[in-house]
Amino acid sequence: MDEFRTEAEALLRGRRFGILSTHSVDAPGYPFGSLASYALDDQGRPVFLFSGLALHTQNAAADPRVSLTVIDTAAEERPQTTARVTVIGDLAAVPEDEDEAARALYLQRHPEAKGYSQFGDFALYRLTVRDLYFVGGFGRAGWVSRSE
């Protein structure tokens, strides 16, 4: 659905954070959601800066299958009819040879992170998109495949 792809990409590019859901290590079988800031790379993949101490980082190390849900700002007023997208894929550390470019991209979108981005326990991660599900309001929803 090309229409959904375009709207989903615009929503992802327009926002700076979402809810990252991982598989809980501490409560096996249950999802764990946490607020996560991201920047999109040129291929539309979310890039994150995470501390190794964070539960979502530890969870993803044990099981890299995650989802990122991003909601339009209008949700505060109209939660049921507001656009939202859930990106499903695998989270992995950014390869060392791509770290500099990914770090610049992330810090351009999140300059407030510069102070802690160099701390030793912080690293960059990227979500490789498998699929995404877009909801544009009542009656407007559907999957967008990786190929789209």
Protein backbone atom coordinates (compact mmCIF):
# COMPACT_ATOMS: atom_id res chain seq x y z
CA MET A 1 0.00 0.00 0.00
CA ASP A 2 2.00 2.90 -1.33
CA GLU A 3 -0.29 5.49 0.28
CA PHE A 4 0.31 3.99 3.71
CA ARG A 5 4.06 3.77 3.06
CA THR A 6 4.24 7.48 2.25
CA GLU A 7 2.21 8.48 5.30
CA ALA A 8 4.12 6.12 7.60
CA GLU A 9 7.46 7.46 6.42
CA ALA A 10 6.31 11.06 6.91
CA LEU A 11 5.18 10.23 10.45
CA LEU A 12 8.47 8.49 11.28
CA ARG A 13 10.53 11.37 9.85
CA GLY A 14 8.43 13.97 11.65
CA ARG A 15 8.76 12.48 15.12
CA ARG A 16 11.84 12.03 17.32
CA PHE A 17 10.78 9.27 19.71
CA GLY A 18 8.49 6.32 20.13
CA ILE A 19 7.86 3.30 22.32
CA LEU A 20 10.37 0.52 21.77
CA SER A 21 9.02 -2.89 22.74
CA THR A 22 11.41 -5.71 23.51
CA HIS A 23 11.05 -9.21 24.93
CA SER A 24 11.61 -8.97 28.68
CA VAL A 25 14.51 -10.93 30.14
CA ASP A 26 13.31 -10.33 33.70
CA ALA A 27 9.69 -11.28 33.00
CA PRO A 28 10.01 -13.99 30.31
CA GLY A 29 7.17 -14.12 27.82
CA TYR A 30 6.11 -10.53 28.42
CA PRO A 31 6.76 -7.46 26.30
CA PHE A 32 8.64 -4.51 27.75
CA GLY A 33 7.96 -1.03 26.39
CA SER A 34 10.23 1.96 26.88
CA LEU A 35 10.52 5.46 25.51
CA ALA A 36 13.25 5.63 22.88
CA SER A 37 14.61 8.55 20.86
CA TYR A 38 15.57 7.77 17.28
CA ALA A 39 16.71 9.26 14.00
CA LEU A 40 15.98 7.74 10.59
CA ASP A 41 18.87 6.94 8.30
CA ASP A 42 18.73 7.38 4.53
CA GLN A 43 17.13 3.94 4.15
CA GLY A 44 14.38 4.73 6.66
CA ARG A 45 15.88 2.61 9.43
CA PRO A 46 15.59 3.96 12.99
CA VAL A 47 18.95 4.59 14.70
CA PHE A 48 19.12 4.73 18.50
CA LEU A 49 21.72 5.68 21.11
CA PHE A 50 21.40 3.30 24.06
CA SER A 51 23.19 2.69 27.32
CA GLY A 52 24.22 -0.88 27.97
CA LEU A 53 22.61 -0.49 31.40
CA ALA A 54 19.14 0.12 29.95
CA LEU A 55 16.67 -2.75 30.22
CA HIS A 56 15.64 -2.44 26.58
CA THR A 57 19.30 -2.81 25.52
CA GLN A 58 19.72 -5.92 27.67
CA ASN A 59 16.43 -7.35 26.40
CA ALA A 60 17.39 -6.78 22.75
CA ALA A 61 20.78 -8.41 23.32
CA ALA A 62 18.94 -11.56 24.37
CA ASP A 63 16.32 -11.35 21.60
CA PRO A 64 16.80 -8.76 18.85
CA ARG A 65 13.18 -8.92 17.64
CA VAL A 66 11.65 -5.56 18.58
CA SER A 67 8.99 -3.10 17.53
CA LEU A 68 8.91 0.67 17.58
CA THR A 69 5.54 2.43 17.84
CA VAL A 70 5.39 6.09 16.83
CA ILE A 71 2.27 8.19 17.34
CA ASP A 72 1.33 11.52 15.81
CA THR A 73 1.26 14.56 18.10
CA ALA A 74 -2.54 14.82 17.72
CA ALA A 75 -2.97 11.71 19.89
CA GLU A 76 -3.41 13.84 22.99
CA GLU A 77 -6.63 15.26 21.52
CA ARG A 78 -7.83 12.40 19.27
CA PRO A 79 -6.17 9.13 20.29
CA GLN A 80 -8.42 6.79 18.30
CA THR A 81 -8.24 8.68 15.00
CA THR A 82 -4.61 9.76 15.13
CA ALA A 83 -2.00 8.33 12.77
CA ARG A 84 0.42 5.80 14.20
CA VAL A 85 2.87 3.28 12.92
CA THR A 86 4.50 0.20 14.38
CA VAL A 87 7.82 -0.81 12.86
CA ILE A 88 8.81 -4.46 13.34
CA GLY A 89 12.33 -5.74 12.88
CA ASP A 90 15.65 -6.68 14.38
CA LEU A 91 17.80 -4.41 16.53
CA ALA A 92 21.57 -4.67 16.24
CA ALA A 93 24.61 -2.57 17.05
CA VAL A 94 25.70 -0.28 14.24
CA PRO A 95 28.88 -1.73 12.67
CA GLU A 96 32.07 0.06 13.70
CA ASP A 97 32.77 1.29 10.17
CA GLU A 98 29.34 2.98 10.08
CA ASP A 99 29.46 4.42 13.60
CA GLU A 100 30.74 7.89 12.72
CA ALA A 101 28.04 8.57 10.11
CA ALA A 102 25.28 7.09 12.29
CA ARG A 103 26.46 9.13 15.30
CA ALA A 104 26.44 12.36 13.25
CA LEU A 105 22.94 11.54 12.00
CA TYR A 106 21.67 10.82 15.51
CA LEU A 107 23.25 13.91 17.06
CA GLN A 108 21.91 16.14 14.30
CA ARG A 109 18.40 14.99 15.24
CA HIS A 110 19.15 14.92 19.00
CA PRO A 111 21.78 17.55 19.83
CA GLU A 112 20.86 17.26 23.51
CA ALA A 113 22.49 13.81 23.50
CA LYS A 114 25.95 15.11 22.66
CA GLY A 115 27.02 15.34 26.32
CA TYR A 116 26.43 11.67 27.07
CA SER A 117 26.92 10.19 23.60
CA GLN A 118 30.64 9.66 24.28
CA PHE A 119 30.15 7.82 27.57
CA GLY A 120 31.67 4.35 27.37
CA ASP A 121 28.47 2.43 27.96
CA PHE A 122 26.53 4.19 25.15
CA ALA A 123 26.42 2.68 21.69
CA LEU A 124 24.45 3.12 18.49
CA TYR A 125 21.87 0.57 17.41
CA ARG A 126 19.83 0.27 14.24
CA LEU A 127 16.47 -1.35 13.64
CA THR A 128 16.45 -3.31 10.40
CA VAL A 129 12.85 -3.09 9.25
CA ARG A 130 10.99 -6.29 8.46
CA ASP A 131 7.48 -4.84 8.17
CA LEU A 132 5.40 -2.00 9.46
CA TYR A 133 1.78 -1.52 10.29
CA PHE A 134 0.20 1.88 9.70
CA VAL A 135 -3.05 3.19 11.14
CA GLY A 136 -4.30 6.45 9.67
CA GLY A 137 -7.56 6.55 11.63
CA PHE A 138 -10.83 4.60 11.59
CA GLY A 139 -10.97 2.27 8.61
CA ARG A 140 -7.50 3.25 7.36
CA ALA A 141 -4.99 0.64 8.35
CA GLY A 142 -2.71 -1.90 6.77
CA TRP A 143 0.65 -3.59 6.54
CA VAL A 144 3.48 -2.11 4.54
CA SER A 145 5.95 -4.76 3.45
CA ARG A 146 9.70 -4.45 3.53
CA SER A 147 9.80 -4.33 -0.27
CA GLU A 148 7.65 -1.19 -0.25
